Protein backbone atom coordinates (compact mmCIF):
# COMPACT_ATOMS: atom_id res chain seq x y z
CA MET A 1 45.00 15.58 -34.04
CA PRO A 2 43.86 13.88 -31.60
CA THR A 3 45.45 14.09 -27.53
CA VAL A 4 46.48 10.42 -25.74
CA ASP A 5 45.95 10.83 -21.90
CA PRO A 6 48.51 9.21 -20.41
CA LEU A 7 46.27 7.10 -17.86
CA VAL A 8 44.16 5.36 -20.46
CA VAL A 9 45.32 1.98 -19.87
CA PRO A 10 45.23 0.80 -24.52
CA PRO A 11 44.04 -2.90 -24.20
CA THR A 12 46.99 -4.03 -26.02
CA LEU A 13 49.93 -3.73 -26.35
CA THR A 14 52.01 -4.30 -29.46
CA ILE A 15 54.86 -7.54 -29.19
CA THR A 16 58.31 -7.02 -31.32
CA PRO A 17 61.03 -9.33 -31.16
CA TRP A 18 64.26 -7.16 -31.29
CA PRO A 19 66.64 -8.27 -32.31
CA ASP A 20 70.76 -8.24 -31.10
CA PRO A 21 73.59 -10.93 -31.28
CA VAL A 22 75.55 -9.61 -28.37
CA ILE A 23 71.71 -10.98 -26.19
CA ASP A 24 71.19 -13.75 -28.93
CA THR A 25 74.36 -15.58 -27.95
CA LEU A 26 74.61 -14.21 -24.00
CA GLY A 27 72.33 -13.84 -22.58
CA HIS A 28 69.26 -15.86 -20.78
CA ASP A 29 66.13 -17.13 -21.89
CA PRO A 30 63.29 -15.77 -18.99
CA ARG A 31 61.76 -18.93 -18.22
CA SER A 32 66.14 -20.16 -17.27
CA PRO A 33 66.78 -21.85 -13.67
CA TYR A 34 69.66 -18.61 -13.90
CA VAL A 35 66.55 -16.29 -13.93
CA GLU A 36 64.77 -17.98 -11.46
CA GLN A 37 68.04 -17.70 -9.34
CA PHE A 38 69.02 -14.68 -9.87
CA TRP A 39 66.42 -12.22 -11.62
CA LEU A 40 63.86 -13.48 -9.69
CA ALA A 41 64.97 -10.97 -6.22
CA ILE A 42 65.42 -8.13 -8.41
CA LEU A 43 62.47 -8.60 -10.32
CA GLY A 44 59.55 -9.85 -8.29
CA PRO A 45 57.61 -13.26 -9.47
CA SER A 46 55.37 -10.62 -11.44
CA THR A 47 57.81 -9.39 -13.83
CA THR A 48 59.55 -12.67 -14.40
CA TRP A 49 56.08 -14.43 -15.46
CA LEU A 50 55.28 -11.14 -17.29
CA LEU A 51 58.87 -11.65 -18.78
CA ARG A 52 58.01 -16.00 -19.84
CA ARG A 53 54.58 -14.75 -21.30
CA LEU A 54 56.32 -12.88 -23.50
CA ALA A 55 58.93 -15.39 -24.35
CA ALA A 56 56.72 -18.18 -25.24
CA GLY A 57 54.11 -15.53 -27.09
CA LEU A 58 57.68 -14.49 -28.96
CA GLU A 59 58.62 -17.71 -29.47
CA ALA A 60 54.76 -19.23 -30.79
CA SER A 61 54.97 -15.73 -33.12
CA PRO A 62 58.34 -14.44 -34.15
CA ALA A 63 57.84 -11.62 -36.30
CA GLY A 64 55.34 -10.45 -32.74
CA PHE A 65 51.85 -10.29 -31.49
CA GLU A 66 49.06 -7.86 -29.46
CA LEU A 67 49.57 -8.50 -25.96
CA ALA A 68 45.73 -8.06 -24.58
CA LEU A 69 46.59 -6.52 -21.37
CA GLU A 70 43.94 -7.37 -19.08
CA ASP A 71 43.28 -10.69 -19.59
CA THR A 72 47.30 -10.97 -18.87
CA ALA A 73 47.44 -8.85 -16.12
CA ARG A 74 43.95 -10.93 -15.02
CA SER A 75 45.95 -14.47 -15.32
CA LEU A 76 48.74 -13.17 -13.72
CA GLY A 77 46.42 -12.41 -10.26
CA LEU A 78 47.50 -8.72 -10.62
CA GLY A 79 43.78 -7.45 -11.14
CA THR A 80 42.78 -5.02 -13.87
CA ARG A 81 43.25 -1.79 -11.75
CA GLY A 82 44.08 0.69 -14.34
CA GLY A 83 46.61 4.03 -14.10
CA ARG A 84 49.91 4.28 -14.22
CA ASN A 85 51.08 3.16 -11.00
CA ALA A 86 48.42 -1.04 -10.91
CA PRO A 87 50.15 -3.79 -10.33
CA PHE A 88 50.96 -4.98 -13.33
CA MET A 89 51.95 -1.84 -15.00
CA ARG A 90 54.12 -1.88 -12.52
CA SER A 91 55.64 -5.20 -14.10
CA ILE A 92 55.63 -3.78 -17.42
CA ALA A 93 57.60 -0.95 -16.29
CA ARG A 94 60.18 -3.12 -14.05
CA ALA A 95 60.27 -5.32 -17.36
CA CYS A 96 61.93 -2.48 -19.80
C-alpha cells in the first residue's frame, strides 16, 4: 500500500455538494452582499474569493467538479508555493 505524504499537494481537489435543508433554506450564498459585509472581515478576501469560485463551480456543475489547485491559486493571486503554510492552503483551511 502506498504511503501518502501530507506535505505533497495533489493537482486537483474534488468539490462535491453537501446538501443541508436548513442551510439551503436559511444560509447565504457566498456571492451575496451579506457575505461581503459580515464574512469578509473574518475569512479574509482570499478565502471569500475561493468560496465564491466554489459556489460558481457548483452552480455550473451541480454534481461536483475537479478544482485545479495550481490554476486556482494563481488566478486568486496567491501563487503556487506548496506546503501546509502556503497562502492558498491557508485559504482552503479557513474555508473548511
